[in-house]
Protein backbone atom coordinates (compact mmCIF):
# COMPACT_ATOMS: atom_id res chain seq x y z
CA MET A 1 37.62 20.20 60.64
CA ARG A 2 39.53 22.74 58.70
CA LYS A 3 39.17 23.75 55.09
CA VAL A 4 42.29 24.86 53.24
CA SER A 5 42.01 26.46 49.82
CA PHE A 6 44.51 25.63 47.13
CA GLY A 7 44.72 29.29 46.11
CA PHE A 8 46.86 30.88 47.35
CA LEU A 9 60.22 63.97 69.54
CA ALA A 10 58.65 66.60 68.04
CA ALA A 11 60.38 64.13 70.09
CA LEU A 12 62.90 61.80 68.58
CA ILE A 13 65.13 59.57 70.67
CA THR A 14 67.75 61.71 72.34
CA GLY A 15 70.35 59.76 74.26
CA ALA A 16 68.44 57.44 76.57
CA ALA A 17 65.10 59.26 76.49
CA PHE A 18 62.13 57.69 74.72
CA SER A 19 59.32 60.25 74.61
CA GLN A 20 55.71 59.21 74.08
CA ALA A 21 53.72 62.45 74.06
CA THR A 22 51.39 62.18 71.05
CA SER A 23 50.11 65.74 70.68
CA SER A 24 51.28 67.41 67.43
CA LYS A 25 53.30 64.34 66.44
CA PRO A 26 53.44 63.39 62.74
CA THR A 27 50.91 60.71 61.82
CA PHE A 28 50.34 58.35 58.92
CA GLU A 29 47.67 59.53 56.50
CA LYS A 30 45.86 56.21 56.97
CA ALA A 31 46.80 52.78 58.27
CA ASP A 32 45.55 49.20 58.00
CA ILE A 33 46.37 46.90 60.93
CA HIS A 34 45.32 43.25 60.89
CA PRO A 35 46.54 39.89 62.25
CA ALA A 36 49.51 38.62 60.28
CA ILE A 37 48.75 36.35 57.38
CA ALA A 38 51.10 33.37 57.61
CA THR A 39 52.18 32.44 54.09
CA GLY A 40 54.75 29.77 54.93
CA GLY A 41 56.57 30.61 51.71
CA ILE A 42 60.06 31.78 50.88
CA GLY A 43 60.73 35.36 49.95
CA GLY A 44 57.94 36.68 52.17
CA GLY A 45 59.57 40.02 52.72
CA ARG A 46 61.59 41.00 55.80
CA GLY A 47 59.29 39.69 58.52
CA GLY A 48 59.08 42.04 61.51
CA PHE A 49 61.05 44.87 59.85
CA PRO A 50 59.69 48.00 58.16
CA TYR A 51 59.80 48.68 54.45
CA SER A 52 58.97 52.05 52.94
CA ALA A 53 58.94 53.45 49.42
CA LYS A 54 57.08 56.11 47.49
CA GLY A 55 54.58 56.99 50.20
CA ARG A 56 53.88 53.43 51.37
CA TYR A 57 55.01 52.04 54.76
CA GLU A 58 54.73 48.31 55.49
CA ILE A 59 55.65 45.85 58.22
CA ARG A 60 54.67 42.20 57.99
CA ASN A 61 54.57 39.42 60.56
CA ALA A 62 55.62 41.74 63.39
CA THR A 63 55.10 41.27 67.11
CA LEU A 64 54.32 44.32 69.21
CA LEU A 65 57.91 44.06 70.46
CA ASN A 66 59.11 44.32 66.83
CA LEU A 67 56.90 47.35 66.34
CA ILE A 68 58.20 49.07 69.49
CA THR A 69 61.85 48.47 68.59
CA SER A 70 61.21 49.85 65.09
CA ALA A 71 59.32 52.87 66.41
CA TYR A 72 61.84 53.84 69.08
CA GLY A 73 65.07 52.57 67.50
CA VAL A 74 66.11 50.38 70.42
CA ASP A 75 67.38 46.83 70.80
CA PRO A 76 64.76 44.24 71.89
CA GLU A 77 66.40 43.59 75.27
CA LYS A 78 65.94 47.26 76.13
CA VAL A 79 62.14 46.88 76.06
CA VAL A 80 60.94 45.43 79.37
CA GLY A 81 57.59 44.72 80.96
CA GLY A 82 54.35 44.63 79.04
CA PRO A 83 51.69 41.96 78.51
CA SER A 84 52.65 38.31 78.06
CA TRP A 85 51.68 38.32 74.35
CA LEU A 86 54.18 41.08 73.46
CA GLU A 87 56.41 38.59 71.56
CA TRP A 88 53.73 36.12 70.42
CA ASP A 89 50.86 37.78 68.55
CA ARG A 90 51.85 38.99 65.10
CA PHE A 91 50.46 41.78 62.95
CA ASP A 92 50.68 43.22 59.43
CA ILE A 93 50.67 47.01 59.05
CA VAL A 94 50.27 48.96 55.82
CA ALA A 95 50.16 52.76 55.97
CA ALA A 96 50.23 55.77 53.67
CA MET A 97 52.45 58.81 54.22
CA PRO A 98 53.91 61.69 52.21
CA ARG A 99 56.29 60.32 49.56
CA ASP A 100 59.46 61.94 50.89
CA THR A 101 58.93 61.25 54.60
CA PRO A 102 62.40 60.77 56.18
CA PRO A 103 63.09 57.60 58.23
CA GLU A 104 63.18 59.40 61.59
CA THR A 105 59.76 60.90 60.94
CA GLN A 106 58.46 57.46 59.95
CA LYS A 107 59.51 56.23 63.40
CA VAL A 108 57.54 59.02 65.07
CA MET A 109 54.51 58.17 62.91
CA LEU A 110 54.74 54.56 64.06
CA GLN A 111 54.97 55.70 67.69
CA THR A 112 51.77 57.68 67.22
CA LEU A 113 50.04 54.74 65.55
CA LEU A 114 50.95 52.36 68.38
CA ALA A 115 49.67 54.79 71.00
CA ASP A 116 46.44 55.31 69.05
CA ARG A 117 45.55 51.82 67.87
CA PHE A 118 47.23 49.57 70.48
CA LYS A 119 46.75 52.09 73.31
CA LEU A 120 50.45 51.59 74.03
CA VAL A 121 51.66 53.31 77.19
CA ILE A 122 55.38 53.37 78.00
CA HIS A 123 57.80 55.18 80.26
CA ASN A 124 61.57 55.50 80.50
CA ASP A 125 63.64 53.86 83.21
CA THR A 126 67.06 52.41 83.96
CA LYS A 127 67.42 48.71 84.72
CA ASN A 128 70.34 46.48 85.61
CA LEU A 129 70.51 44.18 82.59
CA THR A 130 73.07 41.63 81.47
CA GLY A 131 75.65 43.15 79.19
CA TYR A 132 79.23 42.43 78.24
CA VAL A 133 82.47 44.31 78.61
CA LEU A 134 85.37 43.98 76.18
CA THR A 135 88.75 44.16 77.93
CA VAL A 136 92.40 43.36 77.22
CA ARG A 137 93.40 39.95 78.57
CA LYS A 138 97.20 40.14 78.41
CA LYS A 139 98.91 41.05 75.17
CA PRO A 140 96.43 41.89 72.40
CA LYS A 141 97.08 40.20 69.06
CA LEU A 142 96.12 43.19 66.93
CA LYS A 143 98.02 45.18 64.29
CA PRO A 144 97.75 48.97 63.96
CA ALA A 145 95.71 49.83 60.87
CA ASP A 146 97.56 51.37 57.94
CA GLY A 147 94.46 53.03 56.52
CA SER A 148 94.18 50.78 53.46
CA GLY A 149 91.12 48.76 52.52
CA ASP A 150 87.50 49.07 53.60
CA THR A 151 86.61 49.69 57.22
CA GLY A 152 84.71 46.96 59.05
CA CYS A 153 84.62 43.18 59.52
CA LYS A 154 83.79 40.83 56.66
CA GLY A 155 82.99 37.15 57.17
CA GLN A 156 83.89 34.21 54.94
CA ILE A 157 82.26 30.78 55.29
CA GLY A 158 84.70 27.87 55.14
CA GLY A 159 85.69 24.54 56.62
CA PRO A 160 85.77 20.91 55.38
CA GLY A 161 82.02 20.93 54.77
CA VAL A 162 82.05 23.90 52.38
CA THR A 163 82.68 23.61 48.63
CA ALA A 164 82.92 26.68 46.40
CA MET A 165 80.62 26.47 43.38
CA PRO A 166 81.27 27.70 39.81
CA GLY A 167 79.96 31.21 39.35
CA GLY A 168 79.99 32.00 43.07
CA GLY A 169 78.28 30.73 46.18
CA PHE A 170 79.01 27.52 48.02
CA ARG A 171 77.52 24.15 48.87
CA ILE A 172 77.41 22.82 52.42
CA ASN A 173 77.96 19.17 53.35
CA GLN A 174 76.75 19.01 56.95
CA ASP A 175 78.45 15.67 57.61
CA ALA A 176 81.97 16.63 56.48
CA GLY A 177 82.94 18.63 59.55
CA PRO A 178 82.47 21.97 61.28
CA ILE A 179 81.53 24.98 59.19
CA THR A 180 83.55 28.05 60.11
CA ASN A 181 83.18 31.78 59.71
CA THR A 182 86.44 33.72 59.37
CA PHE A 183 86.20 37.46 59.97
CA THR A 184 88.73 39.85 58.48
CA CYS A 185 88.55 43.22 60.24
CA ARG A 186 90.21 46.34 58.92
CA SER A 187 90.59 49.82 60.44
CA MET A 188 88.35 48.89 63.36
CA THR A 189 88.30 50.93 66.55
CA MET A 190 87.57 48.96 69.67
CA GLU A 191 84.36 50.92 70.15
CA ALA A 192 83.18 49.87 66.68
CA PHE A 193 84.29 46.28 67.33
CA ALA A 194 82.24 46.19 70.55
CA THR A 195 79.17 47.22 68.55
CA PHE A 196 79.94 44.54 65.94
CA LEU A 197 80.15 41.89 68.67
CA ARG A 198 76.59 42.33 69.97
CA PRO A 199 74.86 40.11 67.34
CA GLN A 200 77.77 37.64 67.49
CA VAL A 201 77.23 37.26 71.24
CA ALA A 202 73.49 36.79 70.66
CA GLN A 203 74.14 33.86 68.31
CA ASN A 204 76.20 31.92 70.85
CA GLY A 205 73.34 30.62 72.97
CA THR A 206 73.93 32.95 75.89
CA GLY A 207 70.24 33.37 76.68
CA GLY A 208 69.81 36.59 74.75
CA ALA A 209 71.65 39.54 73.35
CA GLY A 210 73.14 42.33 75.39
CA PRO A 211 75.11 45.50 74.76
CA VAL A 212 78.89 45.17 74.53
CA THR A 213 80.91 48.03 76.01
CA ASP A 214 84.52 48.76 75.10
CA GLN A 215 86.77 48.91 78.17
CA THR A 216 90.02 47.94 76.43
CA GLU A 217 91.44 51.50 76.56
CA LEU A 218 93.03 50.73 73.19
CA LYS A 219 93.05 53.87 71.08
CA GLY A 220 93.14 54.18 67.32
CA ALA A 221 92.16 51.69 64.61
CA TRP A 222 93.30 48.08 64.22
CA ASN A 223 93.55 45.18 61.76
CA PHE A 224 92.91 41.59 62.87
CA GLU A 225 91.31 38.27 61.96
CA PHE A 226 89.47 35.61 63.95
CA THR A 227 87.53 32.42 63.21
CA THR A 228 84.46 30.92 64.89
CA THR A 229 82.37 27.88 64.13
CA LEU A 230 79.10 28.86 62.49
CA GLN A 231 76.55 29.23 65.27
CA ILE A 232 73.57 28.16 63.15
CA ARG A 233 73.14 24.65 64.46
CA MET A 234 70.85 23.44 61.71
CA LEU A 235 73.73 24.09 59.29
CA ASN A 236 76.42 22.75 61.64
CA PRO A 237 75.02 19.50 63.07
CA ALA A 238 78.39 17.73 63.04
CA ILE A 239 79.86 20.14 65.56
CA SER A 240 80.90 18.75 68.95
CA GLY A 241 81.99 20.42 72.15
CA SER A 242 85.67 20.06 71.31
CA ASP A 243 85.18 21.41 67.77
CA GLN A 244 83.09 24.40 68.75
CA VAL A 245 84.76 27.82 68.73
CA THR A 246 82.43 30.44 70.17
CA ILE A 247 82.86 34.17 69.83
CA PHE A 248 84.07 34.17 73.45
CA ASP A 249 86.78 31.61 72.62
CA ALA A 250 87.87 33.48 69.50
CA VAL A 251 88.06 36.89 71.15
CA GLU A 252 90.13 35.54 74.03
CA LYS A 253 92.43 32.98 72.36
CA GLN A 254 92.85 34.54 68.92
CA LEU A 255 92.76 38.26 69.73
CA GLY A 256 94.06 38.44 73.30
CA LEU A 257 90.91 40.24 74.42
CA LYS A 258 88.10 39.08 76.70
CA LEU A 259 84.30 39.28 76.79
CA THR A 260 82.86 39.20 80.31
CA ALA A 261 79.18 39.18 81.23
CA THR A 262 78.16 41.76 83.77
CA LYS A 263 75.10 43.54 85.11
CA THR A 264 75.03 47.07 83.77
CA PRO A 265 72.59 49.97 84.35
CA ILE A 266 70.96 50.43 80.94
CA PRO A 267 68.29 52.94 79.80
CA VAL A 268 65.17 50.98 78.87
CA ILE A 269 61.59 51.42 77.70
CA VAL A 270 59.07 49.99 80.16
CA VAL A 271 55.78 48.89 78.60
CA ASP A 272 53.03 49.82 81.06
CA SER A 273 50.05 48.63 79.04
CA ALA A 274 48.71 47.79 75.58
CA ILE A 275 45.61 46.15 74.14
CA GLU A 276 45.93 42.80 72.35
CA LYS A 277 43.34 43.60 69.68
CA PRO A 278 44.09 46.97 68.08
CA THR A 279 41.19 49.29 67.41
CA ASP A 280 39.39 48.72 64.11
CA ASN A 281 40.45 50.21 60.80
CA LEU A 282 38.37 53.07 59.52
CA PRO A 283 35.88 51.93 56.83
CA GLY A 284 37.45 51.49 53.41
CA VAL A 285 41.06 51.92 54.57
CA ALA A 286 42.21 48.35 53.88
CA GLU A 287 40.70 48.42 50.41
CA SER A 288 42.25 51.80 49.59
CA LEU A 289 45.72 50.52 50.56
CA ALA A 290 45.48 47.24 48.63
CA VAL A 291 47.90 46.77 45.74
CA GLU A 292 46.72 45.41 42.41
CA HIS A 293 49.41 43.03 41.18
CA PRO A 294 50.27 42.66 37.49
CA LYS A 295 48.98 39.48 35.88
CA GLU A 296 52.10 38.33 34.04
CA PHE A 297 55.77 39.12 33.47
CA ASP A 298 56.72 41.42 30.61
CA VAL A 299 59.40 38.98 29.47
CA ALA A 300 60.82 35.79 30.99
CA ALA A 301 63.59 33.29 30.23
CA VAL A 302 63.25 29.74 31.57
CA LYS A 303 65.79 26.96 31.15
CA PRO A 304 66.79 23.71 32.92
CA SER A 305 69.39 24.26 35.62
CA ASP A 306 72.95 23.06 35.26
CA PRO A 307 73.30 20.01 37.57
CA ALA A 308 76.80 21.26 38.46
CA GLY A 309 75.47 24.72 39.29
CA ARG A 310 75.68 26.53 42.60
CA GLY A 311 72.48 25.21 44.16
CA ILE A 312 69.20 26.97 44.84
CA ARG A 313 69.14 30.75 44.55
CA LEU A 314 66.15 33.08 44.52
CA GLN A 315 66.17 36.87 44.31
CA PHE A 316 63.19 39.16 43.92
CA LYS A 317 63.66 42.46 42.14
CA PRO A 318 61.81 45.73 42.67
CA GLY A 319 58.55 45.67 40.75
CA GLY A 320 58.15 41.88 41.05
CA GLY A 321 61.05 40.67 38.94
CA VAL A 322 62.65 37.27 39.57
CA ASP A 323 66.23 36.04 39.21
CA SER A 324 66.49 32.42 40.33
CA SER A 325 68.45 29.26 39.64
CA GLY A 326 68.29 25.61 40.61
CA ILE A 327 64.75 25.71 41.96
CA PRO A 328 62.81 22.46 41.47
CA LEU A 329 59.56 22.81 39.56
CA GLN A 330 57.67 21.41 42.55
CA MET A 331 58.99 24.23 44.74
CA LEU A 332 57.99 26.84 42.17
CA ILE A 333 54.47 25.43 42.17
CA THR A 334 54.08 25.16 45.94
CA GLN A 335 55.46 28.67 46.48
CA ALA A 336 53.39 30.21 43.70
CA TYR A 337 50.19 28.73 45.14
CA GLN A 338 51.27 28.98 48.81
CA VAL A 339 50.72 25.32 49.70
CA GLN A 340 52.77 22.65 51.42
CA ASN A 341 54.12 19.62 49.55
CA GLN A 342 51.40 17.49 51.12
CA GLN A 343 48.74 19.68 49.55
CA LEU A 344 50.17 19.27 46.07
CA ILE A 345 48.93 16.05 44.48
CA VAL A 346 51.17 15.21 41.53
CA PRO A 347 50.28 12.44 39.04
CA GLN A 348 52.64 9.49 39.18
CA ASN A 349 53.90 10.06 35.63
CA LEU A 350 55.01 13.60 36.57
CA GLN A 351 56.80 12.79 39.84
CA ASP A 352 60.27 12.89 38.27
CA ALA A 353 59.51 15.96 36.17
CA VAL A 354 58.58 18.18 39.11
CA GLN A 355 61.90 17.42 40.83
CA LYS A 356 63.96 18.93 38.01
CA GLY A 357 65.50 22.34 38.67
CA TYR A 358 65.04 25.43 36.53
CA ASP A 359 66.60 28.87 36.15
CA VAL A 360 64.10 31.68 35.80
CA ILE A 361 64.88 35.31 34.94
CA ALA A 362 61.74 37.39 34.57
CA LYS A 363 61.16 41.11 34.13
CA PRO A 364 57.97 42.70 35.48
CA PRO A 365 55.88 45.18 33.52
CA SER A 366 56.74 48.83 34.10
CA SER A 367 53.44 49.27 35.93
CA GLY A 368 54.38 46.84 38.71
CA PRO A 369 53.80 47.30 42.47
CA VAL A 370 54.83 50.22 44.64
CA SER A 371 58.58 50.04 44.07
CA ALA A 372 58.38 50.20 40.26
CA PRO A 373 59.17 51.63 37.81
CA SER A 374 61.47 54.61 38.41
CA GLY A 375 63.20 55.74 41.58
CA ARG A 376 62.96 52.19 42.82
CA PRO A 377 64.75 51.15 46.02
CA ALA A 378 67.54 48.59 45.97
CA MET A 379 65.45 46.00 47.84
CA ALA A 380 62.20 44.42 46.72
CA SER A 381 59.16 45.22 48.84
CA PRO A 382 56.78 42.65 50.36
CA ASP A 383 54.29 43.64 47.65
CA ASP A 384 56.94 42.96 45.00
CA ASN A 385 57.29 39.44 46.41
CA ASP A 386 53.54 38.92 46.24
CA ALA A 387 53.49 40.21 42.67
CA ALA A 388 56.32 37.90 41.65
CA TRP A 389 54.48 34.78 42.82
CA ALA A 390 51.22 35.95 41.23
CA MET A 391 53.02 36.39 37.88
CA MET A 392 54.81 33.07 38.43
CA ARG A 393 51.43 31.31 38.34
CA ALA A 394 50.83 32.71 34.87
CA LEU A 395 54.35 31.72 33.80
CA LEU A 396 53.86 28.13 35.00
CA ALA A 397 50.63 27.89 33.02
CA ASP A 398 52.23 29.36 29.88
CA ARG A 399 55.63 27.64 29.79
CA PHE A 400 54.94 24.37 31.60
CA LYS A 401 51.27 24.10 30.61
CA LEU A 402 50.47 23.66 34.29
CA VAL A 403 46.82 23.01 35.02
CA VAL A 404 45.60 22.78 38.61
CA HIS A 405 42.30 22.50 40.41
CA LYS A 406 41.16 22.52 44.02
CA GLU A 407 39.53 19.67 45.87
CA GLU A 408 39.34 18.21 49.36
CA ARG A 409 41.21 15.03 50.23
CA GLN A 410 42.14 13.19 53.38
CA LEU A 411 45.70 13.76 54.51
CA THR A 412 47.47 13.00 57.74
CA ALA A 413 47.38 15.59 60.50
CA TYR A 414 48.50 15.13 64.11
CA LYS A 415 47.36 14.99 67.70
CA LEU A 416 49.57 16.14 70.56
CA ILE A 417 49.15 13.93 73.63
CA ALA A 418 50.83 13.86 77.04
CA LEU A 419 52.42 10.76 78.62
CA LYS A 420 54.35 11.79 81.74
CA PRO A 421 54.95 15.52 81.39
CA LYS A 422 58.07 16.89 83.05
CA MET A 423 57.78 20.45 81.86
CA LYS A 424 58.24 23.39 84.17
CA LYS A 425 55.20 25.45 85.10
CA ALA A 426 55.65 28.93 83.68
CA ASP A 427 55.64 32.22 85.51
CA PRO A 428 52.50 33.84 84.05
CA SER A 429 54.12 37.28 84.25
CA GLU A 430 56.83 36.25 81.76
CA ARG A 431 56.36 36.85 78.05
CA THR A 432 55.00 34.09 75.85
CA LYS A 433 57.62 33.41 73.21
CA THR A 434 59.63 30.88 71.25
CA ALA A 435 63.16 31.12 69.88
CA GLU A 436 65.94 29.00 68.46
CA GLY A 437 68.43 28.18 71.21
CA PRO A 438 68.61 27.31 74.92
CA GLY A 439 66.09 28.37 77.53
CA ALA A 440 66.70 30.59 80.54
CA ASP A 441 68.90 27.94 82.20
CA GLY A 442 71.39 28.16 79.32
CA LYS A 443 71.63 24.36 78.97
CA ASP A 444 72.44 23.29 75.42
CA PRO A 445 71.95 19.56 74.73
CA ARG A 446 73.33 20.03 71.22
CA VAL A 447 76.87 20.05 72.62
CA ALA A 448 76.48 16.49 73.94
CA THR A 449 74.31 15.29 71.04
CA PRO A 450 75.38 17.18 67.90
CA SER A 451 73.02 15.24 65.62
CA ARG A 452 70.09 16.97 67.31
CA SER A 453 71.19 20.31 65.95
CA ARG A 454 67.81 22.01 66.25
CA LEU A 455 66.94 23.40 69.68
CA THR A 456 63.75 25.40 70.15
CA MET A 457 62.84 27.18 73.37
CA PHE A 458 59.26 27.83 74.50
CA GLN A 459 58.44 30.15 77.39
CA ASN A 460 55.05 30.62 79.08
CA VAL A 461 53.33 28.65 76.32
CA THR A 462 50.06 26.71 76.59
CA MET A 463 49.77 23.34 74.91
CA LYS A 464 47.30 24.82 72.44
CA GLN A 465 49.86 27.47 71.48
CA PHE A 466 52.57 24.81 71.25
CA ALA A 467 50.41 22.68 68.94
CA GLN A 468 49.69 25.69 66.73
CA ALA A 469 53.40 26.57 66.56
CA LEU A 470 54.68 23.08 65.65
CA PRO A 471 54.00 23.29 61.89
CA GLY A 472 55.94 26.55 61.76
CA ILE A 473 59.16 25.45 63.48
CA SER A 474 59.98 22.23 61.66
CA ALA A 475 59.48 20.71 58.24
CA TYR A 476 58.66 17.43 60.01
CA VAL A 477 55.14 18.67 60.79
CA THR A 478 53.44 20.52 57.95
CA THR A 479 49.78 19.75 58.66
CA PRO A 480 47.67 20.91 61.62
CA VAL A 481 48.37 19.68 65.15
CA GLU A 482 45.47 19.30 67.58
CA ASP A 483 46.10 19.72 71.30
CA ALA A 484 44.85 16.58 73.03
CA THR A 485 47.16 16.74 76.06
CA GLY A 486 44.47 17.82 78.51
CA LEU A 487 47.09 20.01 80.19
CA ASP A 488 45.99 23.40 81.48
CA GLY A 489 48.17 26.41 82.14
CA SER A 490 51.44 27.51 80.58
CA TYR A 491 54.88 25.89 80.56
CA ASP A 492 58.57 26.51 79.93
CA PHE A 493 60.50 23.86 77.97
CA THR A 494 62.89 23.19 75.11
CA ILE A 495 62.78 20.54 72.39
CA SER A 496 65.91 19.18 70.78
CA TYR A 497 65.68 17.33 67.46
CA SER A 498 67.50 16.55 64.23
CA PRO A 499 66.86 18.47 61.00
CA VAL A 500 64.74 16.81 58.35
CA GLY A 501 66.82 14.18 56.57
CA ALA A 502 69.42 13.80 59.32
CA THR A 503 67.61 10.89 60.99
CA ASN A 504 66.27 9.29 57.83
CA ARG A 505 67.78 10.32 54.51
CA ASN A 506 65.03 8.47 52.62
CA ALA A 507 62.12 9.61 54.77
CA GLY A 508 59.07 11.47 53.61
CA GLY A 509 57.15 11.37 50.43
CA GLY A 510 55.52 14.72 49.83
CA ARG A 511 52.20 13.58 51.24
CA GLY A 512 52.79 13.58 54.98
CA GLY A 513 51.90 10.78 57.36
CA PRO A 514 53.79 8.53 59.72
CA GLU A 515 54.13 5.60 57.38
CA GLY A 516 55.93 7.78 54.82
CA ALA A 517 58.13 9.64 57.25
CA PRO A 518 59.52 7.55 60.08
CA GLY A 519 62.12 10.22 60.79
CA LEU A 520 59.31 12.52 61.86
CA LEU A 521 57.86 10.34 64.58
CA ASP A 522 61.18 8.91 65.74
CA SER A 523 62.64 12.37 66.15
CA ALA A 524 59.52 13.87 67.71
CA ASN A 525 59.38 11.13 70.34
CA ALA A 526 63.07 11.34 71.19
CA ALA A 527 63.14 15.10 71.17
CA ALA A 528 60.38 15.58 73.70
CA GLU A 529 61.67 13.05 76.26
CA PRO A 530 64.08 15.25 78.25
CA ASP A 531 61.62 18.08 78.83
CA GLY A 532 58.07 16.89 78.57
CA ALA A 533 57.40 13.39 77.23
CA ILE A 534 55.00 14.81 74.68
CA ARG A 535 54.11 12.78 71.61
CA CYS A 536 52.93 13.96 68.21
CA LEU A 537 50.76 11.19 66.76
CA GLY A 538 49.31 10.94 63.27
CA ARG A 539 45.58 11.17 62.67
CA SER A 540 43.38 11.46 59.64
CA SER A 541 42.06 14.88 58.69
CA SER A 542 39.37 15.18 56.02
CA ASN A 543 39.46 18.71 54.67
CA TRP A 544 42.98 18.89 53.33
CA GLY A 545 43.55 19.03 49.64
């Protein structure tokens, strides 16, 4: 049983060399490393990426792979080898450093920390990895740049399913047709365009990202436009094979260029060894790095949202400020107290009231978290986000007269059982990981069945790990899942399923449970069939409230 509280070098990188000698390297003044705290909320603060301001360095929800890529400034695919948990276990790091430490020195400090606390050992090598070359197909459809306008490529969402909203932004109707992304590129060299293409290639379900190398031999800068279908399947479920325009299609048919996959010798970092549990913090370090959040906003304006507004928007400001619109009261409550809808018990006479949307603009006190008051960075820190939700609790009590208490109640949780598993036994030397998109075989069932627009890949995962991951990958399952499959070992598989609401527009009731959410069980059963015949069945759990 589980109790849940309702609270809520001198060596820098030079070319392809990644040095790891730790003697005389800059170090953080002190550092707190602990397992990541999963909040499940929105606005959690740049998971896996570093944030630094005014002598404070912070990374949240980062795998060791995230930490290595941040420390050495390399792409993830250029980090090979290492223990199987390199992309699974997640950590939070908070460290102190001199206030004006430059970014490159911060990287070296992180390198030193990883070597010290994770006992990370690496070496440099060259491996033949999958990359892409950009070439001219026949006659390129590009125009010489005239030097006007901003340099770079800018995207614009469009298509029959997109409606512009008053005041900016847009609303997406997933059933109206494909959602497109039109890129307007100005004064782009082919070398710069090749760099731009790397993340676009990664989003097209090619089994991972890879460097793109310019081999067009086109000199100078160019202007051009191209359009793809948005490669975020959960936002583009209506897409079919004939409607889909990948980056490969667009580059070839619209620009007269070509992207070709190839094996290329690439400088890499090889992870020789690391320990899964980092060495302990020094006594008192975590406490000394803790941030005391302000109790309430300095000033706040709250008003009902315009029903014809531009939808939900939430922005945190440095210091813990909030600028939001269209957010239902229920969402404000669940996020402020870091609970799921099922854990929020709302009286029947308030059910309609908590669904109403509100606009909130709130200014933090000048003595807010690390990024306030003066010299503040443009982006809110993770601590600013925490402060904002802490102050939001006070605002809810003041303006909405919200009163809450904690108690334990029975809610529905789930058991994962096996019927006739067809999953592939994993290679234990491969990394344990999960990602949105196809597995290593590249097969994408979403093309044949567009309504199942979510596709999640699992590699070298035990059934216990799969059960633990389920509440985090889909809003269908928001209470604990117990592994009752009886299956030992690790497996490779994918699950394909429809987003919440696509299978049953009227499903769900904010309390969880199969009888209130038929879309959950129908989709879970259908989704697992092709790869594993695994079922997620409801059960009663007593310590949820």
